[in-house]
Amino acid sequence: MENKYLLHGKLTAKAGHQKELADILIQASQLVSTAKGCQFYVVSYDKEDEASVYVTEIWDSKDDHDNSLKVEGVRELIMKAMPILDGPPTKGQELEILGGVGNIKIC
C-alpha cells in the first residue's frame, strides 16, 4: 500500500462552544478540499462528550498536509477557533494506514 499521512486529532471547546468549533472546522474542510493531496477530512463528535470535536485527515503526504495550512482563509479560521478552545490544541495522532477498503472522498 502506498504510504499516506493520517492525522487524527481531538480539540476541546469551552463550555457551550462545541457546535461553533465544529462549524469552524467544517469551514476549514471546505477550504482544504482544494489543497493538493487531500484524500479525507472528516469532522466528528461523540454524543456523550459535549466539548470535544475530532478531525480525521488523510493526505497523500505530510508535506501536503502542512501546505494545506497555507490555503487562503485557513489561518483566519484557526485564529477564530483559538479563543473558544479549552486550552491549547494537543498534537494529533499520526497513524500509519495498514490496509482496508473504501472509496470515500469527503474533502
Protein backbone atom coordinates (compact mmCIF):
# COMPACT_ATOMS: atom_id res chain seq x y z
CA MET A 1 0.00 0.00 0.00
CA GLU A 2 1.21 3.47 -0.87
CA ASN A 3 2.02 5.38 2.32
CA LYS A 4 -0.41 8.15 3.12
CA TYR A 5 -0.38 10.59 6.00
CA LEU A 6 -3.19 10.10 8.53
CA LEU A 7 -3.77 12.59 11.31
CA HIS A 8 -6.43 12.11 13.97
CA GLY A 9 -6.93 14.90 16.48
CA LYS A 10 -9.22 15.96 19.27
CA LEU A 11 -9.97 19.58 20.06
CA THR A 12 -11.84 20.57 23.20
CA ALA A 13 -14.10 23.60 23.18
CA LYS A 14 -15.00 25.77 26.12
CA ALA A 15 -18.43 25.00 27.58
CA GLY A 16 -21.21 25.77 25.13
CA HIS A 17 -18.91 26.19 22.09
CA GLN A 18 -18.72 22.65 20.64
CA LYS A 19 -21.05 23.40 17.72
CA GLU A 20 -19.25 26.66 16.93
CA LEU A 21 -15.90 24.85 16.91
CA ALA A 22 -17.30 22.08 14.71
CA ASP A 23 -18.70 24.68 12.29
CA ILE A 24 -15.29 26.37 12.04
CA LEU A 25 -13.61 23.03 11.33
CA ILE A 26 -16.20 22.18 8.68
CA GLN A 27 -15.47 25.54 7.03
CA ALA A 28 -11.77 24.62 7.13
CA SER A 29 -12.55 21.29 5.48
CA GLN A 30 -14.19 23.12 2.59
CA LEU A 31 -11.11 25.30 2.14
CA VAL A 32 -8.59 22.46 2.26
CA SER A 33 -10.69 20.32 -0.09
CA THR A 34 -8.94 22.20 -2.89
CA ALA A 35 -5.46 21.54 -1.49
CA LYS A 36 -3.12 19.13 -3.22
CA GLY A 37 -3.18 15.66 -1.70
CA CYS A 38 -6.34 15.91 0.41
CA GLN A 39 -7.99 12.50 0.42
CA PHE A 40 -10.18 12.66 3.52
CA TYR A 41 -11.08 15.33 6.06
CA VAL A 42 -13.88 14.50 8.48
CA VAL A 43 -15.15 16.46 11.45
CA SER A 44 -17.00 14.42 14.10
CA TYR A 45 -18.04 14.32 17.72
CA ASP A 46 -19.01 11.85 20.42
CA LYS A 47 -22.63 12.31 21.50
CA GLU A 48 -21.58 11.59 25.08
CA ASP A 49 -18.96 14.38 25.14
CA GLU A 50 -20.34 17.93 24.95
CA ALA A 51 -16.98 19.63 24.50
CA SER A 52 -14.77 17.66 22.09
CA VAL A 53 -14.59 17.75 18.32
CA TYR A 54 -12.50 15.26 16.35
CA VAL A 55 -10.79 15.75 13.00
CA THR A 56 -9.54 12.81 10.95
CA GLU A 57 -7.49 13.60 7.85
CA ILE A 58 -5.80 11.50 5.18
CA TRP A 59 -3.30 13.17 2.86
CA ASP A 60 -1.02 11.91 0.12
CA SER A 61 1.90 13.12 2.26
CA LYS A 62 2.74 15.06 5.42
CA ASP A 63 4.03 17.87 3.20
CA ASP A 64 0.61 18.11 1.53
CA HIS A 65 -0.99 18.38 4.97
CA ASP A 66 1.49 21.02 6.11
CA ASN A 67 0.97 23.02 2.91
CA SER A 68 -2.81 22.94 3.41
CA LEU A 69 -2.29 25.31 6.34
CA LYS A 70 -1.24 27.90 3.75
CA VAL A 71 -4.55 27.76 1.87
CA GLU A 72 -6.17 31.18 1.85
CA GLY A 73 -8.55 31.56 4.78
CA VAL A 74 -7.27 28.63 6.85
CA ARG A 75 -5.13 30.74 9.20
CA GLU A 76 -8.08 33.09 9.76
CA LEU A 77 -10.26 30.13 10.80
CA ILE A 78 -7.53 28.91 13.15
CA MET A 79 -7.45 32.35 14.77
CA LYS A 80 -11.26 32.29 15.05
CA ALA A 81 -11.16 28.90 16.81
CA MET A 82 -8.38 29.67 19.29
CA PRO A 83 -10.47 31.77 21.76
CA ILE A 84 -13.15 29.07 22.09
CA LEU A 85 -10.70 26.22 22.76
CA ASP A 86 -10.41 24.99 26.32
CA GLY A 87 -6.62 25.09 26.41
CA PRO A 88 -4.06 24.82 23.64
CA PRO A 89 -4.61 22.16 20.97
CA THR A 90 -2.67 18.98 21.58
CA LYS A 91 -0.69 17.26 18.86
CA GLY A 92 -2.88 14.89 16.87
CA GLN A 93 -2.12 11.21 16.48
CA GLU A 94 -0.08 10.48 13.38
CA LEU A 95 -1.20 6.99 12.43
CA GLU A 96 0.10 4.61 9.79
CA ILE A 97 -2.51 3.14 7.50
CA LEU A 98 -2.08 -0.61 7.28
CA GLY A 99 -4.88 -1.50 4.92
CA GLY A 100 -8.60 -1.56 4.38
CA VAL A 101 -11.09 -0.59 1.73
CA GLY A 102 -13.09 2.45 0.75
CA ASN A 103 -13.80 4.92 -1.98
CA ILE A 104 -14.89 7.84 0.14
CA LYS A 105 -13.76 11.30 -0.89
CA ILE A 106 -15.07 13.83 1.59
CA CYS A 107 -12.68 16.72 1.22
